[in-house]
Amino acid sequence: MRAILDVILIVLDIYWWIVIATAIFSWLYAFNVVNPRNQIVSAIGQFLYSVTEPVLRPIRRVLPNFGTIDFSPIVLLLLIFLLRRVIVLYIYPNVF
């Protein structure tokens, strides 16, 4: 059972970094630092969007609209942090 929890923690860590990469990529894209017509940049952007958008969309529906500022990645990172803490502090010690 601890092995399954370890895998869940690793997946949460990887998803944490993907959400951060998505936020950074969106800033680079918005400020025209990266060329959106480049095939590699487009593929990276499409991958990051397809991985994070199904989780971010429900959060965006719940959050109020703050104009151009999107707080949904911050909320998602806080939820991932909370889930990790619950697993590490409460579930992991009680599993044999």
C-alpha atoms as a PDB file:
ATOM      1  CA  MET A   1       0.000   0.000   0.000  1.00  0.00           C
ATOM      2  CA  ARG A   2       2.903   2.353   0.696  1.00  0.00           C
ATOM      3  CA  ALA A   3       4.170   1.743  -2.814  1.00  0.00           C
ATOM      4  CA  ILE A   4       0.847   2.948  -4.220  1.00  0.00           C
ATOM      5  CA  LEU A   5       0.994   6.043  -2.021  1.00  0.00           C
ATOM      6  CA  ASP A   6       4.573   6.668  -3.168  1.00  0.00           C
ATOM      7  CA  VAL A   7       3.449   6.488  -6.805  1.00  0.00           C
ATOM      8  CA  ILE A   8       0.576   8.894  -6.065  1.00  0.00           C
ATOM      9  CA  LEU A   9       3.014  11.320  -4.436  1.00  0.00           C
ATOM     10  CA  ILE A  10       5.360  11.122  -7.434  1.00  0.00           C
ATOM     11  CA  VAL A  11       2.470  11.760  -9.841  1.00  0.00           C
ATOM     12  CA  LEU A  12       1.395  14.757  -7.753  1.00  0.00           C
ATOM     13  CA  ASP A  13       4.962  16.103  -7.830  1.00  0.00           C
ATOM     14  CA  ILE A  14       5.156  15.740 -11.604  1.00  0.00           C
ATOM     15  CA  TYR A  15       1.762  17.397 -12.052  1.00  0.00           C
ATOM     16  CA  TRP A  16       2.899  20.223  -9.734  1.00  0.00           C
ATOM     17  CA  TRP A  17       5.789  20.981 -12.099  1.00  0.00           C
ATOM     18  CA  ILE A  18       3.570  20.675 -15.177  1.00  0.00           C
ATOM     19  CA  VAL A  19       1.191  23.292 -13.747  1.00  0.00           C
ATOM     20  CA  ILE A  20       4.138  25.620 -13.059  1.00  0.00           C
ATOM     21  CA  ALA A  21       5.456  25.029 -16.592  1.00  0.00           C
ATOM     22  CA  THR A  22       2.009  25.826 -17.995  1.00  0.00           C
ATOM     23  CA  ALA A  23       1.863  29.127 -16.107  1.00  0.00           C
ATOM     24  CA  ILE A  24       5.360  30.119 -17.235  1.00  0.00           C
ATOM     25  CA  PHE A  25       4.627  29.095 -20.817  1.00  0.00           C
ATOM     26  CA  SER A  26       1.423  31.147 -20.825  1.00  0.00           C
ATOM     27  CA  TRP A  27       3.385  34.211 -19.690  1.00  0.00           C
ATOM     28  CA  LEU A  28       6.024  33.651 -22.362  1.00  0.00           C
ATOM     29  CA  TYR A  29       3.300  33.243 -24.955  1.00  0.00           C
ATOM     30  CA  ALA A  30       1.366  36.317 -23.782  1.00  0.00           C
ATOM     31  CA  PHE A  31       4.431  38.569 -23.853  1.00  0.00           C
ATOM     32  CA  ASN A  32       5.524  37.261 -27.274  1.00  0.00           C
ATOM     33  CA  VAL A  33       8.798  35.812 -25.978  1.00  0.00           C
ATOM     34  CA  VAL A  34       8.235  32.518 -27.774  1.00  0.00           C
ATOM     35  CA  ASN A  35       7.229  32.195 -31.400  1.00  0.00           C
ATOM     36  CA  PRO A  36       3.737  30.608 -31.493  1.00  0.00           C
ATOM     37  CA  ARG A  37       4.211  29.604 -35.134  1.00  0.00           C
ATOM     38  CA  ASN A  38       7.198  27.409 -34.282  1.00  0.00           C
ATOM     39  CA  GLN A  39       6.161  23.754 -34.489  1.00  0.00           C
ATOM     40  CA  ILE A  40       8.024  22.675 -31.324  1.00  0.00           C
ATOM     41  CA  VAL A  41       6.680  25.582 -29.277  1.00  0.00           C
ATOM     42  CA  SER A  42       3.189  24.846 -30.546  1.00  0.00           C
ATOM     43  CA  ALA A  43       3.522  21.155 -29.633  1.00  0.00           C
ATOM     44  CA  ILE A  44       4.742  21.996 -26.124  1.00  0.00           C
ATOM     45  CA  GLY A  45       1.907  24.473 -25.635  1.00  0.00           C
ATOM     46  CA  GLN A  46      -0.690  22.012 -26.879  1.00  0.00           C
ATOM     47  CA  PHE A  47       0.640  19.279 -24.576  1.00  0.00           C
ATOM     48  CA  LEU A  48       0.638  21.550 -21.526  1.00  0.00           C
ATOM     49  CA  TYR A  49      -2.845  22.818 -22.353  1.00  0.00           C
ATOM     50  CA  SER A  50      -4.287  19.334 -22.875  1.00  0.00           C
ATOM     51  CA  VAL A  51      -2.790  18.038 -19.616  1.00  0.00           C
ATOM     52  CA  THR A  52      -3.821  20.899 -17.348  1.00  0.00           C
ATOM     53  CA  GLU A  53      -7.023  22.304 -18.869  1.00  0.00           C
ATOM     54  CA  PRO A  54      -9.381  19.480 -17.737  1.00  0.00           C
ATOM     55  CA  VAL A  55      -8.387  20.203 -14.124  1.00  0.00           C
ATOM     56  CA  LEU A  56      -8.194  24.000 -14.395  1.00  0.00           C
ATOM     57  CA  ARG A  57     -11.535  24.496 -16.189  1.00  0.00           C
ATOM     58  CA  PRO A  58     -13.751  23.527 -13.199  1.00  0.00           C
ATOM     59  CA  ILE A  59     -11.650  25.740 -10.922  1.00  0.00           C
ATOM     60  CA  ARG A  60     -12.094  28.661 -13.330  1.00  0.00           C
ATOM     61  CA  ARG A  61     -15.872  28.151 -13.279  1.00  0.00           C
ATOM     62  CA  VAL A  62     -15.943  28.420  -9.480  1.00  0.00           C
ATOM     63  CA  LEU A  63     -13.550  31.375  -9.117  1.00  0.00           C
ATOM     64  CA  PRO A  64     -14.813  34.898  -9.754  1.00  0.00           C
ATOM     65  CA  ASN A  65     -13.507  36.677 -12.847  1.00  0.00           C
ATOM     66  CA  PHE A  66     -10.511  38.903 -12.045  1.00  0.00           C
ATOM     67  CA  GLY A  67     -10.084  40.207 -15.577  1.00  0.00           C
ATOM     68  CA  THR A  68      -6.838  39.135 -17.193  1.00  0.00           C
ATOM     69  CA  ILE A  69      -5.367  37.535 -14.066  1.00  0.00           C
ATOM     70  CA  ASP A  70      -5.956  33.791 -13.818  1.00  0.00           C
ATOM     71  CA  PHE A  71      -5.724  32.479 -10.264  1.00  0.00           C
ATOM     72  CA  SER A  72      -6.743  28.913 -11.129  1.00  0.00           C
ATOM     73  CA  PRO A  73      -3.144  27.549 -11.299  1.00  0.00           C
ATOM     74  CA  ILE A  74      -2.485  28.944  -7.816  1.00  0.00           C
ATOM     75  CA  VAL A  75      -5.649  27.307  -6.484  1.00  0.00           C
ATOM     76  CA  LEU A  76      -4.668  24.019  -8.157  1.00  0.00           C
ATOM     77  CA  LEU A  77      -1.169  24.175  -6.658  1.00  0.00           C
ATOM     78  CA  LEU A  78      -2.684  24.790  -3.222  1.00  0.00           C
ATOM     79  CA  LEU A  79      -5.018  21.804  -3.686  1.00  0.00           C
ATOM     80  CA  ILE A  80      -2.090  19.592  -4.719  1.00  0.00           C
ATOM     81  CA  PHE A  81      -0.138  20.805  -1.683  1.00  0.00           C
ATOM     82  CA  LEU A  82      -3.092  20.050   0.594  1.00  0.00           C
ATOM     83  CA  LEU A  83      -3.548  16.589  -0.895  1.00  0.00           C
ATOM     84  CA  ARG A  84       0.154  15.808  -0.485  1.00  0.00           C
ATOM     85  CA  ARG A  85       0.090  16.923   3.149  1.00  0.00           C
ATOM     86  CA  VAL A  86      -2.978  14.800   3.908  1.00  0.00           C
ATOM     87  CA  ILE A  87      -1.321  11.749   2.356  1.00  0.00           C
ATOM     88  CA  VAL A  88       2.032  12.275   4.085  1.00  0.00           C
ATOM     89  CA  LEU A  89       0.734  13.241   7.527  1.00  0.00           C
ATOM     90  CA  TYR A  90      -2.456  11.215   7.913  1.00  0.00           C
ATOM     91  CA  ILE A  91      -2.658   8.327   5.450  1.00  0.00           C
ATOM     92  CA  TYR A  92       0.973   7.234   5.029  1.00  0.00           C
ATOM     93  CA  PRO A  93       1.765   6.692   8.759  1.00  0.00           C
ATOM     94  CA  ASN A  94      -1.347   4.559   9.249  1.00  0.00           C
ATOM     95  CA  VAL A  95      -0.613   2.138   6.412  1.00  0.00           C
ATOM     96  CA  PHE A  96       1.297  -1.018   7.239  1.00  0.00           C
END
